[in-house]
């Protein structure tokens, strides 16, 4: 995204910045995880919850598209263990 060559070819010469790679989901989204499409919400919440516990994170943002231009989102919060 911060490549001049990419910007010239794909973005009309406008650099758009850099994506912080530590914020990218490297474990796959709903379709790549291999489950029925109707289970997207449950699968995303389960995966995000497990990642919060394993990675000792505090928040997780989940988003998914739906039919007809609709979408949903959810923020999960992990409370500290006592």
Protein backbone atom coordinates (compact mmCIF):
# COMPACT_ATOMS: atom_id res chain seq x y z
CA UNK A 1 0.00 0.00 0.00
CA UNK A 2 2.89 2.38 0.50
CA UNK A 3 4.60 1.26 -2.73
CA UNK A 4 4.95 3.99 -5.35
CA UNK A 5 4.76 1.37 -8.11
CA UNK A 6 1.50 -0.07 -6.71
CA UNK A 7 0.05 3.43 -6.25
CA UNK A 8 0.85 4.41 -9.84
CA UNK A 9 -0.63 1.24 -11.30
CA UNK A 10 -3.68 0.66 -9.08
CA UNK A 11 -4.52 3.92 -7.29
CA UNK A 12 -3.89 6.66 -9.83
CA UNK A 13 -0.65 7.67 -8.11
CA UNK A 14 -2.16 8.27 -4.67
CA UNK A 15 -0.38 6.58 -1.76
CA UNK A 16 -2.87 5.48 0.89
CA UNK A 17 -0.54 4.57 3.73
CA UNK A 18 0.52 1.43 5.49
CA UNK A 19 -1.63 -1.24 7.13
CA UNK A 20 -0.35 -2.27 10.58
CA UNK A 21 0.26 -5.99 10.03
CA UNK A 22 -0.25 -6.83 13.71
CA UNK A 23 -3.93 -5.90 13.23
CA UNK A 24 -4.50 -8.25 10.28
CA UNK A 25 -6.44 -11.48 10.84
CA UNK A 26 -3.93 -14.15 9.93
CA UNK A 27 -6.17 -17.07 10.95
CA UNK A 28 -8.75 -16.71 8.18
CA UNK A 29 -12.28 -15.40 7.90
CA UNK A 30 -15.66 -17.12 7.85
CA UNK A 31 -15.41 -18.83 4.47
CA UNK A 32 -11.77 -19.88 4.73
CA UNK A 33 -12.41 -21.64 8.06
CA UNK A 34 -14.66 -24.17 6.30
CA UNK A 35 -18.10 -24.12 7.91
CA UNK A 36 -21.70 -23.75 6.69
CA UNK A 37 -22.45 -20.16 5.69
CA UNK A 38 -25.39 -20.02 8.11
CA UNK A 39 -22.97 -20.49 11.02
CA UNK A 40 -20.88 -17.41 10.25
CA UNK A 41 -21.81 -15.46 13.38
CA UNK A 42 -21.24 -18.33 15.79
CA UNK A 43 -17.99 -19.30 14.12
CA UNK A 44 -16.61 -15.74 14.17
CA UNK A 45 -17.57 -15.17 17.82
CA UNK A 46 -16.03 -18.50 18.86
CA UNK A 47 -12.81 -17.85 16.94
CA UNK A 48 -12.49 -14.28 18.25
CA UNK A 49 -13.16 -15.40 21.84
CA UNK A 50 -10.51 -18.12 21.65
CA UNK A 51 -7.99 -15.68 20.18
CA UNK A 52 -8.65 -13.22 23.02
CA UNK A 53 -7.92 -15.91 25.60
CA UNK A 54 -4.83 -17.32 23.84
CA UNK A 55 -3.41 -13.93 22.91
CA UNK A 56 -4.34 -12.28 26.19
CA UNK A 57 -6.12 -9.49 24.30
CA UNK A 58 -8.84 -7.27 25.72
CA UNK A 59 -11.04 -6.42 22.73
CA UNK A 60 -12.02 -8.07 19.48
CA UNK A 61 -13.97 -6.50 16.62
CA UNK A 62 -16.04 -8.86 14.47
CA UNK A 63 -17.69 -7.80 11.21
CA UNK A 64 -19.46 -9.72 8.46
CA UNK A 65 -21.40 -8.82 5.36
CA UNK A 66 -24.92 -10.02 4.66
CA UNK A 67 -27.28 -10.20 1.71
CA UNK A 68 -28.60 -7.01 0.13
CA UNK A 69 -25.80 -4.71 1.29
CA UNK A 70 -26.43 -5.36 4.99
CA UNK A 71 -23.77 -6.09 7.58
CA UNK A 72 -23.33 -6.65 11.28
CA UNK A 73 -20.58 -6.05 13.77
CA UNK A 74 -19.80 -6.94 17.36
CA UNK A 75 -17.18 -5.91 19.90
CA UNK A 76 -16.14 -8.55 22.42
CA UNK A 77 -14.38 -7.66 25.66
CA UNK A 78 -12.34 -10.11 27.71
CA UNK A 79 -12.37 -9.42 31.41
CA UNK A 80 -9.12 -9.99 33.36
CA UNK A 81 -8.84 -13.32 35.19
CA UNK A 82 -8.67 -12.99 38.97
